[in-house]
Amino acid sequence: QVQLVESGGGLVQAGGSLRLSCAASGRTFSRYAMGWFRQAVGKEREFVAAITRSGASTYYADSVKGRFTISRDNAKNTVYLQMNSLKPEDTAVYYCAANEVVTTTLGQYDYWGQGTQVTVSS
């Protein structure tokens, strides 16, 4: 079992930045690839970014490429999502997830956090 807790969400103006964190506990963090997903009101949960177990490779949704950066610190059991140039359409609940193999597919992730709200005002 892996327990995931997100933090760092909040209210920010368009063009601003936020950094989300996801702290993991339980089984060895470095055994898991990590992903970030988001869900806006009335919409399905969607892929945002993913990172391999070592952090050597990263993957992004087209909508966030060039603005968001996923990273991890295995010594701190934490994965991050740096979000720059935020837009109102980035408003959503952001979730981190863990899986043994890196994937962009929501249904393949085994463990999920409770989510953190990000609101971007225009």
PDB file of N, CA and C in Angstrom:
ATOM      1  N   GLN A   1       0.831  -1.199   0.000  1.00  0.00           N
ATOM      2  CA  GLN A   1       0.000   0.000   0.000  1.00  0.00           C
ATOM      3  C   GLN A   1       0.862   1.243   0.000  1.00  0.00           C
ATOM      4  N   VAL A   2       0.390   2.241  -0.711  1.00  0.00           N
ATOM      5  CA  VAL A   2       1.040   3.543  -0.742  1.00  0.00           C
ATOM      6  C   VAL A   2      -0.009   4.581  -0.396  1.00  0.00           C
ATOM      7  N   GLN A   3       0.323   5.458   0.528  1.00  0.00           N
ATOM      8  CA  GLN A   3      -0.569   6.559   0.871  1.00  0.00           C
ATOM      9  C   GLN A   3      -0.005   7.840   0.274  1.00  0.00           C
ATOM     10  N   LEU A   4      -0.873   8.614  -0.360  1.00  0.00           N
ATOM     11  CA  LEU A   4      -0.458   9.825  -1.053  1.00  0.00           C
ATOM     12  C   LEU A   4      -1.240  11.013  -0.517  1.00  0.00           C
ATOM     13  N   VAL A   5      -0.535  12.101  -0.229  1.00  0.00           N
ATOM     14  CA  VAL A   5      -1.182  13.311   0.281  1.00  0.00           C
ATOM     15  C   VAL A   5      -0.688  14.514  -0.517  1.00  0.00           C
ATOM     16  N   GLU A   6      -1.609  15.167  -1.206  1.00  0.00           N
ATOM     17  CA  GLU A   6      -1.264  16.348  -1.994  1.00  0.00           C
ATOM     18  C   GLU A   6      -1.373  17.612  -1.148  1.00  0.00           C
ATOM     19  N   SER A   7      -0.608  18.613  -1.532  1.00  0.00           N
ATOM     20  CA  SER A   7      -0.683  19.919  -0.901  1.00  0.00           C
ATOM     21  C   SER A   7      -0.210  20.967  -1.885  1.00  0.00           C
ATOM     22  N   GLY A   8      -0.459  22.235  -1.552  1.00  0.00           N
ATOM     23  CA  GLY A   8       0.048  23.325  -2.382  1.00  0.00           C
ATOM     24  C   GLY A   8      -0.974  23.997  -3.271  1.00  0.00           C
ATOM     25  N   GLY A   9      -2.198  23.479  -3.271  1.00  0.00           N
ATOM     26  CA  GLY A   9      -3.227  24.109  -4.076  1.00  0.00           C
ATOM     27  C   GLY A   9      -3.646  25.452  -3.499  1.00  0.00           C
ATOM     28  N   GLY A  10      -4.451  26.186  -4.270  1.00  0.00           N
ATOM     29  CA  GLY A  10      -4.924  27.472  -3.795  1.00  0.00           C
ATOM     30  C   GLY A  10      -5.498  28.298  -4.908  1.00  0.00           C
ATOM     31  N   LEU A  11      -5.677  29.581  -4.606  1.00  0.00           N
ATOM     32  CA  LEU A  11      -6.225  30.542  -5.558  1.00  0.00           C
ATOM     33  C   LEU A  11      -5.097  31.414  -6.088  1.00  0.00           C
ATOM     34  N   VAL A  12      -5.018  31.539  -7.406  1.00  0.00           N
ATOM     35  CA  VAL A  12      -3.963  32.332  -8.032  1.00  0.00           C
ATOM     36  C   VAL A  12      -4.546  33.052  -9.233  1.00  0.00           C
ATOM     37  N   GLN A  13      -3.992  34.193  -9.563  1.00  0.00           N
ATOM     38  CA  GLN A  13      -4.432  34.925 -10.741  1.00  0.00           C
ATOM     39  C   GLN A  13      -3.840  34.313 -12.004  1.00  0.00           C
ATOM     40  N   ALA A  14      -4.511  34.525 -13.097  1.00  0.00           N
ATOM     41  CA  ALA A  14      -4.003  34.057 -14.385  1.00  0.00           C
ATOM     42  C   ALA A  14      -2.601  34.614 -14.622  1.00  0.00           C
ATOM     43  N   GLY A  15      -1.728  33.759 -15.117  1.00  0.00           N
ATOM     44  CA  GLY A  15      -0.332  34.124 -15.325  1.00  0.00           C
ATOM     45  C   GLY A  15       0.566  33.809 -14.150  1.00  0.00           C
ATOM     46  N   GLY A  16      -0.031  33.465 -13.028  1.00  0.00           N
ATOM     47  CA  GLY A  16       0.733  33.157 -11.833  1.00  0.00           C
ATOM     48  C   GLY A  16       1.242  31.725 -11.806  1.00  0.00           C
ATOM     49  N   SER A  17       1.840  31.372 -10.674  1.00  0.00           N
ATOM     50  CA  SER A  17       2.453  30.049 -10.515  1.00  0.00           C
ATOM     51  C   SER A  17       2.038  29.414  -9.191  1.00  0.00           C
ATOM     52  N   LEU A  18       2.039  28.100  -9.191  1.00  0.00           N
ATOM     53  CA  LEU A  18       1.859  27.311  -7.979  1.00  0.00           C
ATOM     54  C   LEU A  18       2.740  26.079  -8.087  1.00  0.00           C
ATOM     55  N   ARG A  19       3.140  25.554  -6.933  1.00  0.00           N
ATOM     56  CA  ARG A  19       3.844  24.272  -6.916  1.00  0.00           C
ATOM     57  C   ARG A  19       3.078  23.310  -6.025  1.00  0.00           C
ATOM     58  N   LEU A  20       2.633  22.243  -6.622  1.00  0.00           N
ATOM     59  CA  LEU A  20       1.963  21.188  -5.878  1.00  0.00           C
ATOM     60  C   LEU A  20       2.988  20.160  -5.410  1.00  0.00           C
ATOM     61  N   SER A  21       2.719  19.604  -4.245  1.00  0.00           N
ATOM     62  CA  SER A  21       3.539  18.524  -3.708  1.00  0.00           C
ATOM     63  C   SER A  21       2.663  17.325  -3.419  1.00  0.00           C
ATOM     64  N   CYS A  22       3.248  16.161  -3.519  1.00  0.00           N
ATOM     65  CA  CYS A  22       2.556  14.925  -3.178  1.00  0.00           C
ATOM     66  C   CYS A  22       3.521  14.086  -2.362  1.00  0.00           C
ATOM     67  N   ALA A  23       3.212  13.930  -1.089  1.00  0.00           N
ATOM     68  CA  ALA A  23       4.061  13.154  -0.187  1.00  0.00           C
ATOM     69  C   ALA A  23       3.551  11.726  -0.103  1.00  0.00           C
ATOM     70  N   ALA A  24       4.466  10.779  -0.232  1.00  0.00           N
ATOM     71  CA  ALA A  24       4.103   9.370  -0.210  1.00  0.00           C
ATOM     72  C   ALA A  24       4.614   8.695   1.048  1.00  0.00           C
ATOM     73  N   SER A  25       3.863   7.751   1.531  1.00  0.00           N
ATOM     74  CA  SER A  25       4.299   6.932   2.663  1.00  0.00           C
ATOM     75  C   SER A  25       3.852   5.498   2.413  1.00  0.00           C
ATOM     76  N   GLY A  26       4.447   4.599   3.145  1.00  0.00           N
ATOM     77  CA  GLY A  26       4.119   3.195   2.950  1.00  0.00           C
ATOM     78  C   GLY A  26       5.273   2.483   2.280  1.00  0.00           C
ATOM     79  N   ARG A  27       5.019   1.892   1.166  1.00  0.00           N
ATOM     80  CA  ARG A  27       6.033   1.122   0.477  1.00  0.00           C
ATOM     81  C   ARG A  27       7.062   2.038  -0.185  1.00  0.00           C
ATOM     82  N   THR A  28       8.161   1.495  -0.622  1.00  0.00           N
ATOM     83  CA  THR A  28       9.288   2.266  -1.142  1.00  0.00           C
ATOM     84  C   THR A  28       8.860   3.141  -2.310  1.00  0.00           C
ATOM     85  N   PHE A  29       9.008   4.439  -2.117  1.00  0.00           N
ATOM     86  CA  PHE A  29       8.552   5.424  -3.092  1.00  0.00           C
ATOM     87  C   PHE A  29       9.223   5.226  -4.437  1.00  0.00           C
ATOM     88  N   SER A  30      10.506   4.917  -4.440  1.00  0.00           N
ATOM     89  CA  SER A  30      11.258   4.813  -5.690  1.00  0.00           C
ATOM     90  C   SER A  30      10.828   3.618  -6.545  1.00  0.00           C
ATOM     91  N   ARG A  31       9.974   2.746  -6.016  1.00  0.00           N
ATOM     92  CA  ARG A  31       9.458   1.633  -6.799  1.00  0.00           C
ATOM     93  C   ARG A  31       8.322   2.049  -7.726  1.00  0.00           C
ATOM     94  N   TYR A  32       7.841   3.284  -7.560  1.00  0.00           N
ATOM     95  CA  TYR A  32       6.641   3.696  -8.264  1.00  0.00           C
ATOM     96  C   TYR A  32       6.887   4.857  -9.215  1.00  0.00           C
ATOM     97  N   ALA A  33       6.344   4.724 -10.423  1.00  0.00           N
ATOM     98  CA  ALA A  33       6.186   5.878 -11.290  1.00  0.00           C
ATOM     99  C   ALA A  33       5.036   6.708 -10.728  1.00  0.00           C
ATOM    100  N   MET A  34       5.075   8.003 -10.999  1.00  0.00           N
ATOM    101  CA  MET A  34       4.079   8.902 -10.439  1.00  0.00           C
ATOM    102  C   MET A  34       3.411   9.717 -11.536  1.00  0.00           C
ATOM    103  N   GLY A  35       2.161  10.028 -11.301  1.00  0.00           N
ATOM    104  CA  GLY A  35       1.436  10.840 -12.258  1.00  0.00           C
ATOM    105  C   GLY A  35       0.623  11.916 -11.560  1.00  0.00           C
ATOM    106  N   TRP A  36       0.329  12.957 -12.304  1.00  0.00           N
ATOM    107  CA  TRP A  36      -0.607  13.991 -11.868  1.00  0.00           C
ATOM    108  C   TRP A  36      -1.788  13.993 -12.837  1.00  0.00           C
ATOM    109  N   PHE A  37      -2.964  14.083 -12.276  1.00  0.00           N
ATOM    110  CA  PHE A  37      -4.191  14.167 -13.043  1.00  0.00           C
ATOM    111  C   PHE A  37      -5.007  15.332 -12.493  1.00  0.00           C
ATOM    112  N   ARG A  38      -5.996  15.761 -13.248  1.00  0.00           N
ATOM    113  CA  ARG A  38      -6.872  16.827 -12.755  1.00  0.00           C
ATOM    114  C   ARG A  38      -8.302  16.578 -13.218  1.00  0.00           C
ATOM    115  N   GLN A  39      -9.226  17.131 -12.435  1.00  0.00           N
ATOM    116  CA  GLN A  39     -10.639  16.997 -12.760  1.00  0.00           C
ATOM    117  C   GLN A  39     -11.336  18.319 -12.498  1.00  0.00           C
ATOM    118  N   ALA A  40     -11.846  18.912 -13.545  1.00  0.00           N
ATOM    119  CA  ALA A  40     -12.621  20.144 -13.432  1.00  0.00           C
ATOM    120  C   ALA A  40     -14.085  19.784 -13.212  1.00  0.00           C
ATOM    121  N   VAL A  41     -14.829  20.732 -12.688  1.00  0.00           N
ATOM    122  CA  VAL A  41     -16.251  20.505 -12.411  1.00  0.00           C
ATOM    123  C   VAL A  41     -16.967  20.151 -13.704  1.00  0.00           C
ATOM    124  N   GLY A  42     -17.691  19.044 -13.674  1.00  0.00           N
ATOM    125  CA  GLY A  42     -18.461  18.621 -14.826  1.00  0.00           C
ATOM    126  C   GLY A  42     -17.672  17.930 -15.910  1.00  0.00           C
ATOM    127  N   LYS A  43     -16.392  17.683 -15.657  1.00  0.00           N
ATOM    128  CA  LYS A  43     -15.553  17.038 -16.663  1.00  0.00           C
ATOM    129  C   LYS A  43     -14.927  15.768 -16.106  1.00  0.00           C
ATOM    130  N   GLU A  44     -14.440  14.929 -17.014  1.00  0.00           N
ATOM    131  CA  GLU A  44     -13.770  13.713 -16.591  1.00  0.00           C
ATOM    132  C   GLU A  44     -12.351  14.030 -16.108  1.00  0.00           C
ATOM    133  N   ARG A  45     -11.841  13.154 -15.260  1.00  0.00           N
ATOM    134  CA  ARG A  45     -10.464  13.291 -14.806  1.00  0.00           C
ATOM    135  C   ARG A  45      -9.527  13.063 -15.991  1.00  0.00           C
ATOM    136  N   GLU A  46      -8.487  13.906 -16.095  1.00  0.00           N
ATOM    137  CA  GLU A  46      -7.597  13.822 -17.245  1.00  0.00           C
ATOM    138  C   GLU A  46      -6.131  13.821 -16.829  1.00  0.00           C
ATOM    139  N   PHE A  47      -5.318  13.231 -17.671  1.00  0.00           N
ATOM    140  CA  PHE A  47      -3.876  13.167 -17.455  1.00  0.00           C
ATOM    141  C   PHE A  47      -3.248  14.552 -17.576  1.00  0.00           C
ATOM    142  N   VAL A  48      -2.284  14.825 -16.695  1.00  0.00           N
ATOM    143  CA  VAL A  48      -1.536  16.074 -16.746  1.00  0.00           C
ATOM    144  C   VAL A  48      -0.054  15.808 -17.010  1.00  0.00           C
ATOM    145  N   ALA A  49       0.560  14.976 -16.162  1.00  0.00           N
ATOM    146  CA  ALA A  49       1.998  14.724 -16.278  1.00  0.00           C
ATOM    147  C   ALA A  49       2.334  13.425 -15.575  1.00  0.00           C
ATOM    148  N   ALA A  50       3.451  12.815 -15.988  1.00  0.00           N
ATOM    149  CA  ALA A  50       3.922  11.592 -15.349  1.00  0.00           C
ATOM    150  C   ALA A  50       5.442  11.578 -15.357  1.00  0.00           C
ATOM    151  N   ILE A  51       6.003  10.803 -14.434  1.00  0.00           N
ATOM    152  CA  ILE A  51       7.458  10.721 -14.303  1.00  0.00           C
ATOM    153  C   ILE A  51       7.831   9.293 -13.950  1.00  0.00           C
ATOM    154  N   THR A  52       8.938   8.820 -14.514  1.00  0.00           N
ATOM    155  CA  THR A  52       9.384   7.467 -14.239  1.00  0.00           C
ATOM    156  C   THR A  52       9.947   7.336 -12.826  1.00  0.00           C
ATOM    157  N   ARG A  53      10.214   6.100 -12.428  1.00  0.00           N
ATOM    158  CA  ARG A  53      10.663   5.838 -11.055  1.00  0.00           C
ATOM    159  C   ARG A  53      11.947   6.584 -10.714  1.00  0.00           C
ATOM    160  N   SER A  54      12.850   6.660 -11.673  1.00  0.00           N
ATOM    161  CA  SER A  54      14.125   7.343 -11.417  1.00  0.00           C
ATOM    162  C   SER A  54      14.041   8.845 -11.635  1.00  0.00           C
ATOM    163  N   GLY A  55      13.007   9.276 -12.335  1.00  0.00           N
ATOM    164  CA  GLY A  55      12.890  10.687 -12.696  1.00  0.00           C
ATOM    165  C   GLY A  55      13.554  11.023 -14.010  1.00  0.00           C
ATOM    166  N   ALA A  56      14.081  10.018 -14.692  1.00  0.00           N
ATOM    167  CA  ALA A  56      14.838  10.285 -15.910  1.00  0.00           C
ATOM    168  C   ALA A  56      13.954  10.719 -17.079  1.00  0.00           C
ATOM    169  N   SER A  57      12.706  10.264 -17.070  1.00  0.00           N
ATOM    170  CA  SER A  57      11.796  10.591 -18.174  1.00  0.00           C
ATOM    171  C   SER A  57      10.498  11.185 -17.642  1.00  0.00           C
ATOM    172  N   THR A  58       9.989  12.155 -18.389  1.00  0.00           N
ATOM    173  CA  THR A  58       8.733  12.799 -18.027  1.00  0.00           C
ATOM    174  C   THR A  58       7.812  12.881 -19.237  1.00  0.00           C
ATOM    175  N   TYR A  59       6.516  12.988 -18.962  1.00  0.00           N
ATOM    176  CA  TYR A  59       5.504  13.009 -20.002  1.00  0.00           C
ATOM    177  C   TYR A  59       4.469  14.056 -19.625  1.00  0.00           C
ATOM    178  N   TYR A  60       3.928  14.746 -20.640  1.00  0.00           N
ATOM    179  CA  TYR A  60       2.994  15.826 -20.382  1.00  0.00           C
ATOM    180  C   TYR A  60       1.817  15.790 -21.356  1.00  0.00           C
ATOM    181  N   ALA A  61       0.680  16.250 -20.863  1.00  0.00           N
ATOM    182  CA  ALA A  61      -0.441  16.515 -21.752  1.00  0.00           C
ATOM    183  C   ALA A  61      -0.104  17.731 -22.604  1.00  0.00           C
ATOM    184  N   ASP A  62      -0.608  17.749 -23.816  1.00  0.00           N
ATOM    185  CA  ASP A  62      -0.316  18.872 -24.713  1.00  0.00           C
ATOM    186  C   ASP A  62      -0.755  20.201 -24.114  1.00  0.00           C
ATOM    187  N   SER A  63      -1.817  20.173 -23.354  1.00  0.00           N
ATOM    188  CA  SER A  63      -2.388  21.408 -22.803  1.00  0.00           C
ATOM    189  C   SER A  63      -1.490  22.078 -21.767  1.00  0.00           C
ATOM    190  N   VAL A  64      -0.541  21.327 -21.200  1.00  0.00           N
ATOM    191  CA  VAL A  64       0.315  21.894 -20.157  1.00  0.00           C
ATOM    192  C   VAL A  64       1.783  21.909 -20.550  1.00  0.00           C
ATOM    193  N   LYS A  65       2.110  21.325 -21.678  1.00  0.00           N
ATOM    194  CA  LYS A  65       3.500  21.230 -22.105  1.00  0.00           C
ATOM    195  C   LYS A  65       4.112  22.622 -22.237  1.00  0.00           C
ATOM    196  N   GLY A  66       5.293  22.794 -21.660  1.00  0.00           N
ATOM    197  CA  GLY A  66       5.967  24.087 -21.684  1.00  0.00           C
ATOM    198  C   GLY A  66       5.590  25.002 -20.534  1.00  0.00           C
ATOM    199  N   ARG A  67       4.540  24.666 -19.797  1.00  0.00           N
ATOM    200  CA  ARG A  67       4.112  25.479 -18.650  1.00  0.00           C
ATOM    201  C   ARG A  67       4.267  24.736 -17.327  1.00  0.00           C
ATOM    202  N   PHE A  68       4.043  23.432 -17.337  1.00  0.00           N
ATOM    203  CA  PHE A  68       4.124  22.620 -16.112  1.00  0.00           C
ATOM    204  C   PHE A  68       5.381  21.751 -16.148  1.00  0.00           C
ATOM    205  N   THR A  69       5.929  21.488 -14.963  1.00  0.00           N
ATOM    206  CA  THR A  69       7.090  20.611 -14.843  1.00  0.00           C
ATOM    207  C   THR A  69       6.870  19.643 -13.695  1.00  0.00           C
ATOM    208  N   ILE A  70       6.981  18.360 -13.984  1.00  0.00           N
ATOM    209  CA  ILE A  70       6.899  17.340 -12.950  1.00  0.00           C
ATOM    210  C   ILE A  70       8.312  16.943 -12.543  1.00  0.00           C
ATOM    211  N   SER A  71       8.502  16.734 -11.257  1.00  0.00           N
ATOM    212  CA  SER A  71       9.806  16.301 -10.754  1.00  0.00           C
ATOM    213  C   SER A  71       9.570  15.468  -9.495  1.00  0.00           C
ATOM    214  N   ARG A  72      10.631  14.799  -9.050  1.00  0.00           N
ATOM    215  CA  ARG A  72      10.501  14.001  -7.836  1.00  0.00           C
ATOM    216  C   ARG A  72      11.804  14.027  -7.063  1.00  0.00           C
ATOM    217  N   ASP A  73      11.669  13.819  -5.761  1.00  0.00           N
ATOM    218  CA  ASP A  73      12.816  13.691  -4.868  1.00  0.00           C
ATOM    219  C   ASP A  73      12.613  12.380  -4.110  1.00  0.00           C
ATOM    220  N   ASN A  74      13.279  11.340  -4.535  1.00  0.00           N
ATOM    221  CA  ASN A  74      13.082  10.034  -3.918  1.00  0.00           C
ATOM    222  C   ASN A  74      13.574   9.995  -2.474  1.00  0.00           C
ATOM    223  N   ALA A  75      14.527  10.842  -2.125  1.00  0.00           N
ATOM    224  CA  ALA A  75      15.000  10.894  -0.744  1.00  0.00           C
ATOM    225  C   ALA A  75      13.937  11.476   0.185  1.00  0.00           C
ATOM    226  N   LYS A  76      13.055  12.308  -0.378  1.00  0.00           N
ATOM    227  CA  LYS A  76      11.990  12.925   0.409  1.00  0.00           C
ATOM    228  C   LYS A  76      10.634  12.282   0.172  1.00  0.00           C
ATOM    229  N   ASN A  77      10.604  11.231  -0.658  1.00  0.00           N
ATOM    230  CA  ASN A  77       9.338  10.538  -0.961  1.00  0.00           C
ATOM    231  C   ASN A  77       8.271  11.507  -1.464  1.00  0.00           C
ATOM    232  N   THR A  78       8.682  12.415  -2.335  1.00  0.00           N
ATOM    233  CA  THR A  78       7.777  13.473  -2.774  1.00  0.00           C
ATOM    234  C   THR A  78       7.886  13.687  -4.281  1.00  0.00           C
ATOM    235  N   VAL A  79       6.741  13.919  -4.905  1.00  0.00           N
ATOM    236  CA  VAL A  79       6.683  14.318  -6.299  1.00  0.00           C
ATOM    237  C   VAL A  79       6.073  15.711  -6.356  1.00  0.00           C
ATOM    238  N   TYR A  80       6.535  16.506  -7.313  1.00  0.00           N
ATOM    239  CA  TYR A  80       6.118  17.897  -7.413  1.00  0.00           C
ATOM    240  C   TYR A  80       5.499  18.167  -8.790  1.00  0.00           C
ATOM    241  N   LEU A  81       4.676  19.198  -8.828  1.00  0.00           N
ATOM    242  CA  LEU A  81       4.184  19.711 -10.095  1.00  0.00           C
ATOM    243  C   LEU A  81       4.300  21.236 -10.037  1.00  0.00           C
ATOM    244  N   GLN A  82       5.294  21.753 -10.743  1.00  0.00           N
ATOM    245  CA  GLN A  82       5.470  23.195 -10.841  1.00  0.00           C
ATOM    246  C   GLN A  82       4.593  23.696 -11.978  1.00  0.00           C
ATOM    247  N   MET A  83       3.705  24.609 -11.668  1.00  0.00           N
ATOM    248  CA  MET A  83       2.752  25.109 -12.655  1.00  0.00           C
ATOM    249  C   MET A  83       2.983  26.599 -12.863  1.00  0.00           C
ATOM    250  N   ASN A  84       3.379  26.967 -14.060  1.00  0.00           N
ATOM    251  CA  ASN A  84       3.630  28.366 -14.414  1.00  0.00           C
ATOM    252  C   ASN A  84       2.645  28.823 -15.481  1.00  0.00           C
ATOM    253  N   SER A  85       2.559  30.115 -15.650  1.00  0.00           N
ATOM    254  CA  SER A  85       1.676  30.706 -16.672  1.00  0.00           C
ATOM    255  C   SER A  85       0.276  30.100 -16.589  1.00  0.00           C
ATOM    256  N   LEU A  86      -0.257  30.065 -15.403  1.00  0.00           N
ATOM    257  CA  LEU A  86      -1.543  29.420 -15.194  1.00  0.00           C
ATOM    258  C   LEU A  86      -2.670  30.156 -15.906  1.00  0.00           C
ATOM    259  N   LYS A  87      -3.644  29.374 -16.364  1.00  0.00           N
ATOM    260  CA  LYS A  87      -4.799  29.893 -17.088  1.00  0.00           C
ATOM    261  C   LYS A  87      -6.079  29.507 -16.341  1.00  0.00           C
ATOM    262  N   PRO A  88      -7.149  30.240 -16.538  1.00  0.00           N
ATOM    263  CA  PRO A  88      -8.408  29.863 -15.879  1.00  0.00           C
ATOM    264  C   PRO A  88      -8.831  28.426 -16.195  1.00  0.00           C
ATOM    265  N   GLU A  89      -8.512  27.948 -17.367  1.00  0.00           N
ATOM    266  CA  GLU A  89      -8.892  26.584 -17.732  1.00  0.00           C
ATOM    267  C   GLU A  89      -8.064  25.521 -17.006  1.00  0.00           C
ATOM    268  N   ASP A  90      -7.052  25.935 -16.255  1.00  0.00           N
ATOM    269  CA  ASP A  90      -6.304  24.998 -15.410  1.00  0.00           C
ATOM    270  C   ASP A  90      -7.022  24.746 -14.082  1.00  0.00           C
ATOM    271  N   THR A  91      -8.083  25.474 -13.817  1.00  0.00           N
ATOM    272  CA  THR A  91      -8.836  25.295 -12.585  1.00  0.00           C
ATOM    273  C   THR A  91      -9.393  23.885 -12.501  1.00  0.00           C
ATOM    274  N   ALA A  92      -9.068  23.197 -11.406  1.00  0.00           N
ATOM    275  CA  ALA A  92      -9.480  21.807 -11.233  1.00  0.00           C
ATOM    276  C   ALA A  92      -8.991  21.308  -9.882  1.00  0.00           C
ATOM    277  N   VAL A  93      -9.459  20.135  -9.513  1.00  0.00           N
ATOM    278  CA  VAL A  93      -8.845  19.397  -8.404  1.00  0.00           C
ATOM    279  C   VAL A  93      -7.718  18.563  -9.006  1.00  0.00           C
ATOM    280  N   TYR A  94      -6.549  18.677  -8.413  1.00  0.00           N
ATOM    281  CA  TYR A  94      -5.370  17.972  -8.915  1.00  0.00           C
ATOM    282  C   TYR A  94      -5.068  16.789  -8.004  1.00  0.00           C
ATOM    283  N   TYR A  95      -4.851  15.641  -8.642  1.00  0.00           N
ATOM    284  CA  TYR A  95      -4.590  14.396  -7.926  1.00  0.00           C
ATOM    285  C   TYR A  95      -3.237  13.836  -8.320  1.00  0.00           C
ATOM    286  N   CYS A  96      -2.517  13.299  -7.345  1.00  0.00           N
ATOM    287  CA  CYS A  96      -1.341  12.515  -7.694  1.00  0.00           C
ATOM    288  C   CYS A  96      -1.695  11.034  -7.596  1.00  0.00           C
ATOM    289  N   ALA A  97      -0.950  10.228  -8.322  1.00  0.00           N
ATOM    290  CA  ALA A  97      -1.220   8.798  -8.387  1.00  0.00           C
ATOM    291  C   ALA A  97       0.078   8.041  -8.559  1.00  0.00           C
ATOM    292  N   ALA A  98       0.078   6.791  -8.116  1.00  0.00           N
ATOM    293  CA  ALA A  98       1.266   5.952  -8.173  1.00  0.00           C
ATOM    294  C   ALA A  98       0.971   4.645  -8.886  1.00  0.00           C
ATOM    295  N   ASN A  99       1.946   4.193  -9.656  1.00  0.00           N
ATOM    296  CA  ASN A  99       1.846   2.922 -10.361  1.00  0.00           C
ATOM    297  C   ASN A  99       3.251   2.384 -10.580  1.00  0.00           C
ATOM    298  N   GLU A 100       3.387   1.082 -10.664  1.00  0.00           N
ATOM    299  CA  GLU A 100       4.734   0.518 -10.785  1.00  0.00           C
ATOM    300  C   GLU A 100       5.362   0.841 -12.132  1.00  0.00           C
ATOM    301  N   VAL A 101       4.518   1.066 -13.142  1.00  0.00           N
ATOM    302  CA  VAL A 101       5.030   1.371 -14.478  1.00  0.00           C
ATOM    303  C   VAL A 101       4.479   2.721 -14.916  1.00  0.00           C
ATOM    304  N   VAL A 102       5.308   3.545 -15.510  1.00  0.00           N
ATOM    305  CA  VAL A 102       4.846   4.860 -15.945  1.00  0.00           C
ATOM    306  C   VAL A 102       3.817   4.706 -17.055  1.00  0.00           C
ATOM    307  N   THR A 103       2.761   5.487 -16.950  1.00  0.00           N
ATOM    308  CA  THR A 103       1.685   5.448 -17.929  1.00  0.00           C
ATOM    309  C   THR A 103       0.936   6.765 -17.882  1.00  0.00           C
ATOM    310  N   THR A 104       0.295   7.097 -19.002  1.00  0.00           N
ATOM    311  CA  THR A 104      -0.558   8.277 -19.034  1.00  0.00           C
ATOM    312  C   THR A 104      -2.027   7.900 -18.873  1.00  0.00           C
ATOM    313  N   THR A 105      -2.284   6.629 -18.688  1.00  0.00           N
ATOM    314  CA  THR A 105      -3.658   6.130 -18.619  1.00  0.00           C
ATOM    315  C   THR A 105      -4.159   6.107 -17.188  1.00  0.00           C
ATOM    316  N   LEU A 106      -5.216   6.830 -16.939  1.00  0.00           N
ATOM    317  CA  LEU A 106      -5.774   6.988 -15.595  1.00  0.00           C
ATOM    318  C   LEU A 106      -6.086   5.641 -14.949  1.00  0.00           C
ATOM    319  N   GLY A 107      -6.710   4.750 -15.684  1.00  0.00           N
ATOM    320  CA  GLY A 107      -7.176   3.492 -15.120  1.00  0.00           C
ATOM    321  C   GLY A 107      -6.088   2.532 -14.701  1.00  0.00           C
ATOM    322  N   GLN A 108      -4.859   2.809 -15.088  1.00  0.00           N
ATOM    323  CA  GLN A 108      -3.752   1.915 -14.757  1.00  0.00           C
ATOM    324  C   GLN A 108      -3.050   2.285 -13.461  1.00  0.00           C
ATOM    325  N   TYR A 109      -3.440   3.381 -12.844  1.00  0.00           N
ATOM    326  CA  TYR A 109      -2.806   3.775 -11.588  1.00  0.00           C
ATOM    327  C   TYR A 109      -3.486   3.078 -10.415  1.00  0.00           C
ATOM    328  N   ASP A 110      -2.664   2.571  -9.511  1.00  0.00           N
ATOM    329  CA  ASP A 110      -3.165   1.771  -8.401  1.00  0.00           C
ATOM    330  C   ASP A 110      -3.514   2.598  -7.167  1.00  0.00           C
ATOM    331  N   TYR A 111      -2.804   3.671  -6.948  1.00  0.00           N
ATOM    332  CA  TYR A 111      -2.965   4.440  -5.712  1.00  0.00           C
ATOM    333  C   TYR A 111      -3.197   5.913  -6.052  1.00  0.00           C
ATOM    334  N   TRP A 112      -4.075   6.536  -5.255  1.00  0.00           N
ATOM    335  CA  TRP A 112      -4.475   7.925  -5.499  1.00  0.00           C
ATOM    336  C   TRP A 112      -4.484   8.716  -4.205  1.00  0.00           C
ATOM    337  N   GLY A 113      -4.151  10.010  -4.338  1.00  0.00           N
ATOM    338  CA  GLY A 113      -4.328  10.917  -3.229  1.00  0.00           C
ATOM    339  C   GLY A 113      -5.748  11.459  -3.197  1.00  0.00           C
ATOM    340  N   GLN A 114      -6.000  12.341  -2.243  1.00  0.00           N
ATOM    341  CA  GLN A 114      -7.352  12.868  -2.058  1.00  0.00           C
ATOM    342  C   GLN A 114      -7.608  14.106  -2.904  1.00  0.00           C
ATOM    343  N   GLY A 115      -6.563  14.682  -3.464  1.00  0.00           N
ATOM    344  CA  GLY A 115      -6.710  15.836  -4.339  1.00  0.00           C
ATOM    345  C   GLY A 115      -6.508  17.159  -3.637  1.00  0.00           C
ATOM    346  N   THR A 116      -6.115  18.166  -4.413  1.00  0.00           N
ATOM    347  CA  THR A 116      -5.963  19.521  -3.911  1.00  0.00           C
ATOM    348  C   THR A 116      -6.534  20.482  -4.954  1.00  0.00           C
ATOM    349  N   GLN A 117      -7.284  21.464  -4.490  1.00  0.00           N
ATOM    350  CA  GLN A 117      -7.978  22.373  -5.394  1.00  0.00           C
ATOM    351  C   GLN A 117      -7.040  23.475  -5.888  1.00  0.00           C
ATOM    352  N   VAL A 118      -7.055  23.688  -7.191  1.00  0.00           N
ATOM    353  CA  VAL A 118      -6.354  24.808  -7.823  1.00  0.00           C
ATOM    354  C   VAL A 118      -7.396  25.661  -8.535  1.00  0.00           C
ATOM    355  N   THR A 119      -7.433  26.928  -8.194  1.00  0.00           N
ATOM    356  CA  THR A 119      -8.370  27.850  -8.828  1.00  0.00           C
ATOM    357  C   THR A 119      -7.587  29.013  -9.418  1.00  0.00           C
ATOM    358  N   VAL A 120      -7.793  29.245 -10.703  1.00  0.00           N
ATOM    359  CA  VAL A 120      -7.095  30.319 -11.407  1.00  0.00           C
ATOM    360  C   VAL A 120      -8.129  31.351 -11.821  1.00  0.00           C
ATOM    361  N   SER A 121      -7.990  32.558 -11.301  1.00  0.00           N
ATOM    362  CA  SER A 121      -8.940  33.628 -11.613  1.00  0.00           C
ATOM    363  C   SER A 121      -8.459  34.436 -12.814  1.00  0.00           C
ATOM    364  N   SER A 122      -9.418  34.936 -13.567  1.00  0.00           N
ATOM    365  CA  SER A 122      -9.066  35.710 -14.773  1.00  0.00           C
ATOM    366  C   SER A 122      -8.929  37.191 -14.453  1.00  0.00           C
TER     367      SER A 122
END
